[in-house]
Amino acid sequence: MVNFLIICVAFILLIGLLIAEKRGNPKWILTFKTPLSVLFATTAIIQPHPVPAYYYAVFAGLIWGLAGDVCLAIPGNMAFRAGLVAFLVGHILYIVAFVSLTESAQWLTAAHLFIAAVSVGIFSWLHPHLGKMLIPVVLYIIVISVMLAAAWVAFLNPVLNWTGACFVFIGALCFYVSDILVARNKFIASQFVNRLIGLPLYYAGQFLIAFSVGMIR
């Protein structure tokens, strides 16, 4: 029941956020984005924690995601760079969390090769537009790719609860795709469609990962 209420409140806040983004109102963007991001961190807290190490790493990653959300809601390159660093730390914490769920050596599969190929393609697409952001973006692409790869290995672990493992991988995949849309908005074309698709994917990813702490075992 509590989780259902969380989803309902998150949906309402997300609709408000998308309207604020469409209107380009920074004040209202922060008004909706901040409680929505606080909600995914709160979601992890109120779940059962059958694997404490996984919970602590995920919760720390969610907090850094919250910080990144606030930074990206503030106009300007400095705020964008701060948000990039916050999400980079968050992704590293997710890598730690997902690796803690792996008990196999399945780190070289066709899916991993596909992830690597897609990431190289994304870099090639962004490269002409990066300028001074080249190195930070390359580092970020590497980290999010490893994060998604680690989520896939966790998904392949037969010891884990299947639903929880699905939440981990689908959540990581949603986050990965949403980051592509953030990059498109920043470096290729600043259009509302990037946020219209990217924000629901991003929050779906964060909430799925937050819910996974209670059902991974």
Protein backbone atom coordinates (compact mmCIF):
# COMPACT_ATOMS: atom_id res chain seq x y z
CA MET A 1 0.00 0.00 0.00
CA VAL A 2 2.78 2.43 0.91
CA ASN A 3 4.65 1.65 -2.31
CA PHE A 4 1.46 2.23 -4.32
CA LEU A 5 1.05 5.65 -2.69
CA ILE A 6 4.69 6.45 -3.48
CA ILE A 7 4.10 5.65 -7.14
CA CYS A 8 0.94 7.80 -7.23
CA VAL A 9 2.65 10.80 -5.60
CA ALA A 10 5.69 10.39 -7.86
CA PHE A 11 3.46 10.34 -10.94
CA ILE A 12 1.71 13.56 -9.90
CA LEU A 13 5.02 15.30 -9.18
CA LEU A 14 6.42 14.09 -12.51
CA ILE A 15 3.48 15.54 -14.42
CA GLY A 16 3.99 18.85 -12.61
CA LEU A 17 7.71 18.74 -13.42
CA LEU A 18 7.09 18.12 -17.12
CA ILE A 19 4.65 21.05 -17.25
CA ALA A 20 7.23 23.27 -15.52
CA GLU A 21 9.91 22.11 -17.97
CA LYS A 22 7.62 22.84 -20.92
CA ARG A 23 7.06 26.36 -19.62
CA GLY A 24 10.76 26.82 -18.86
CA ASN A 25 10.17 28.06 -15.32
CA PRO A 26 13.27 27.31 -13.17
CA LYS A 27 11.46 28.06 -9.89
CA TRP A 28 8.68 25.56 -10.59
CA ILE A 29 11.13 23.02 -11.98
CA LEU A 30 12.93 23.02 -8.62
CA THR A 31 9.60 23.02 -6.78
CA PHE A 32 8.57 19.72 -8.39
CA LYS A 33 11.97 18.13 -9.01
CA THR A 34 13.32 18.41 -5.45
CA PRO A 35 10.47 16.56 -3.65
CA LEU A 36 10.31 14.01 -6.46
CA SER A 37 14.00 13.23 -6.02
CA VAL A 38 13.70 13.23 -2.24
CA LEU A 39 10.91 10.68 -2.70
CA PHE A 40 13.12 8.11 -4.46
CA ALA A 41 15.69 8.36 -1.67
CA THR A 42 12.90 7.97 0.90
CA THR A 43 11.61 4.96 -1.03
CA ALA A 44 14.87 3.10 -0.45
CA ILE A 45 14.79 3.91 3.27
CA ILE A 46 11.33 2.45 3.88
CA GLN A 47 11.96 -0.80 1.97
CA PRO A 48 13.20 -3.94 3.75
CA HIS A 49 16.99 -4.25 3.57
CA PRO A 50 17.79 -7.96 3.17
CA VAL A 51 21.26 -7.12 1.79
CA PRO A 52 22.54 -4.18 3.91
CA ALA A 53 25.69 -3.56 1.85
CA TYR A 54 23.60 -3.26 -1.30
CA TYR A 55 21.15 -0.91 0.42
CA TYR A 56 23.84 1.43 1.74
CA ALA A 57 25.56 1.74 -1.64
CA VAL A 58 22.25 2.30 -3.46
CA PHE A 59 21.06 4.84 -0.90
CA ALA A 60 24.31 6.80 -1.22
CA GLY A 61 23.91 6.72 -5.00
CA LEU A 62 20.35 8.02 -4.71
CA ILE A 63 21.51 10.90 -2.52
CA TRP A 64 24.11 11.89 -5.10
CA GLY A 65 21.39 11.61 -7.74
CA LEU A 66 19.26 14.00 -5.70
CA ALA A 67 22.17 16.45 -5.60
CA GLY A 68 22.65 16.09 -9.34
CA ASP A 69 18.98 16.76 -9.99
CA VAL A 70 19.11 20.02 -8.07
CA CYS A 71 22.25 21.09 -9.96
CA LEU A 72 20.76 20.33 -13.38
CA ALA A 73 17.66 22.33 -12.50
CA ILE A 74 19.84 25.43 -12.12
CA PRO A 75 20.75 27.19 -15.39
CA GLY A 76 24.41 27.60 -16.37
CA ASN A 77 27.48 25.55 -17.25
CA MET A 78 28.86 25.53 -13.70
CA ALA A 79 25.67 23.93 -12.38
CA PHE A 80 25.74 21.43 -15.26
CA ARG A 81 29.33 20.43 -14.43
CA ALA A 82 28.44 20.07 -10.74
CA GLY A 83 25.49 17.88 -11.73
CA LEU A 84 27.75 15.80 -13.96
CA VAL A 85 30.13 15.17 -11.05
CA ALA A 86 27.24 14.30 -8.72
CA PHE A 87 25.80 11.77 -11.15
CA LEU A 88 29.26 10.38 -11.86
CA VAL A 89 29.72 9.64 -8.15
CA GLY A 90 26.20 8.21 -8.03
CA HIS A 91 26.95 5.85 -10.92
CA ILE A 92 30.17 4.69 -9.24
CA LEU A 93 28.18 3.90 -6.09
CA TYR A 94 25.68 1.95 -8.19
CA ILE A 95 28.57 0.00 -9.69
CA VAL A 96 29.69 -0.89 -6.16
CA ALA A 97 26.11 -1.88 -5.29
CA PHE A 98 25.56 -4.03 -8.38
CA VAL A 99 28.97 -5.71 -8.15
CA SER A 100 28.10 -6.71 -4.56
CA LEU A 101 25.25 -8.78 -6.05
CA THR A 102 27.41 -10.69 -8.51
CA GLU A 103 28.71 -14.14 -7.74
CA SER A 104 29.63 -15.19 -11.22
CA ALA A 105 32.30 -14.50 -13.80
CA GLN A 106 29.77 -13.48 -16.48
CA TRP A 107 31.50 -10.22 -17.32
CA LEU A 108 31.99 -10.97 -21.01
CA THR A 109 28.72 -11.72 -22.75
CA ALA A 110 27.17 -10.63 -26.03
CA ALA A 111 25.19 -8.04 -24.06
CA HIS A 112 28.40 -6.47 -22.75
CA LEU A 113 29.81 -6.22 -26.26
CA PHE A 114 26.56 -4.58 -27.36
CA ILE A 115 26.73 -2.08 -24.48
CA ALA A 116 30.32 -1.23 -25.44
CA ALA A 117 29.37 -0.78 -29.10
CA VAL A 118 26.43 1.48 -28.26
CA SER A 119 28.58 3.59 -25.93
CA VAL A 120 31.26 4.02 -28.59
CA GLY A 121 28.53 5.05 -31.02
CA ILE A 122 27.19 7.62 -28.53
CA PHE A 123 30.67 9.06 -28.08
CA SER A 124 31.18 9.31 -31.85
CA TRP A 125 27.85 11.12 -32.13
CA LEU A 126 28.65 13.60 -29.36
CA HIS A 127 32.36 14.08 -30.07
CA PRO A 128 32.14 16.98 -32.56
CA HIS A 129 30.07 19.00 -30.08
CA LEU A 130 31.94 18.44 -26.80
CA GLY A 131 34.77 21.01 -26.91
CA LYS A 132 36.22 21.47 -23.40
CA MET A 133 33.78 18.89 -22.03
CA LEU A 134 35.47 16.09 -23.99
CA ILE A 135 37.33 14.43 -21.09
CA PRO A 136 34.50 14.71 -18.51
CA VAL A 137 32.00 13.27 -20.98
CA VAL A 138 34.31 10.41 -22.00
CA LEU A 139 34.79 9.54 -18.33
CA TYR A 140 31.05 9.72 -17.75
CA ILE A 141 30.27 7.45 -20.72
CA ILE A 142 32.76 4.88 -19.43
CA VAL A 143 31.27 4.92 -15.93
CA ILE A 144 27.63 4.64 -17.04
CA SER A 145 28.58 1.82 -19.41
CA VAL A 146 30.26 -0.10 -16.59
CA MET A 147 27.23 0.60 -14.39
CA LEU A 148 24.90 -0.94 -16.97
CA ALA A 149 27.27 -3.85 -17.51
CA ALA A 150 27.37 -4.53 -13.76
CA ALA A 151 23.56 -4.42 -13.61
CA TRP A 152 23.44 -7.04 -16.37
CA VAL A 153 25.81 -9.34 -14.46
CA ALA A 154 23.64 -8.94 -11.37
CA PHE A 155 20.59 -9.83 -13.47
CA LEU A 156 22.31 -13.04 -14.57
CA ASN A 157 22.94 -14.13 -10.96
CA PRO A 158 20.49 -17.02 -10.30
CA VAL A 159 20.79 -16.58 -6.53
CA LEU A 160 18.93 -13.27 -6.61
CA ASN A 161 15.19 -12.80 -6.59
CA TRP A 162 14.18 -12.57 -10.23
CA THR A 163 11.91 -9.55 -9.78
CA GLY A 164 14.55 -7.66 -7.82
CA ALA A 165 17.20 -8.50 -10.43
CA CYS A 166 14.85 -7.24 -13.18
CA PHE A 167 14.37 -3.99 -11.27
CA VAL A 168 18.14 -3.57 -11.05
CA PHE A 169 18.78 -4.07 -14.75
CA ILE A 170 15.73 -2.23 -16.09
CA GLY A 171 16.40 0.62 -13.67
CA ALA A 172 20.01 0.89 -14.83
CA LEU A 173 18.93 0.73 -18.48
CA CYS A 174 16.37 3.52 -17.97
CA PHE A 175 19.06 5.64 -16.31
CA TYR A 176 21.50 4.96 -19.16
CA VAL A 177 18.99 5.99 -21.86
CA SER A 178 17.93 9.07 -19.89
CA ASP A 179 21.56 10.18 -19.72
CA ILE A 180 21.76 9.94 -23.52
CA LEU A 181 18.84 12.34 -23.74
CA VAL A 182 20.47 14.72 -21.23
CA ALA A 183 23.57 14.73 -23.46
CA ARG A 184 21.45 15.32 -26.56
CA ASN A 185 19.74 18.24 -24.86
CA LYS A 186 23.05 19.76 -23.72
CA PHE A 187 25.24 19.18 -26.76
CA ILE A 188 23.06 18.47 -29.80
CA ALA A 189 19.62 20.09 -29.60
CA SER A 190 17.95 21.69 -26.58
CA GLN A 191 14.38 20.53 -27.10
CA PHE A 192 11.51 19.72 -24.75
CA VAL A 193 11.22 16.24 -26.25
CA ASN A 194 14.51 15.32 -24.54
CA ARG A 195 12.96 16.04 -21.15
CA LEU A 196 9.55 14.64 -22.11
CA ILE A 197 11.13 11.23 -22.70
CA GLY A 198 14.23 11.49 -20.54
CA LEU A 199 12.69 12.58 -17.23
CA PRO A 200 10.15 9.73 -17.02
CA LEU A 201 12.93 7.27 -17.91
CA TYR A 202 15.26 8.78 -15.33
CA TYR A 203 12.75 8.70 -12.49
CA ALA A 204 11.56 5.22 -13.49
CA GLY A 205 15.19 4.09 -13.25
CA GLN A 206 15.81 5.69 -9.87
CA PHE A 207 12.58 4.35 -8.36
CA LEU A 208 13.17 0.84 -9.74
CA ILE A 209 16.64 0.80 -8.20
CA ALA A 210 15.24 2.17 -4.93
CA PHE A 211 12.51 -0.49 -4.83
CA SER A 212 15.06 -3.21 -5.64
CA VAL A 213 16.69 -2.92 -2.21
CA GLY A 214 13.63 -4.58 -0.69
CA MET A 215 13.26 -7.46 -3.12
CA ILE A 216 16.76 -8.45 -4.18
CA ARG A 217 16.70 -11.52 -1.92
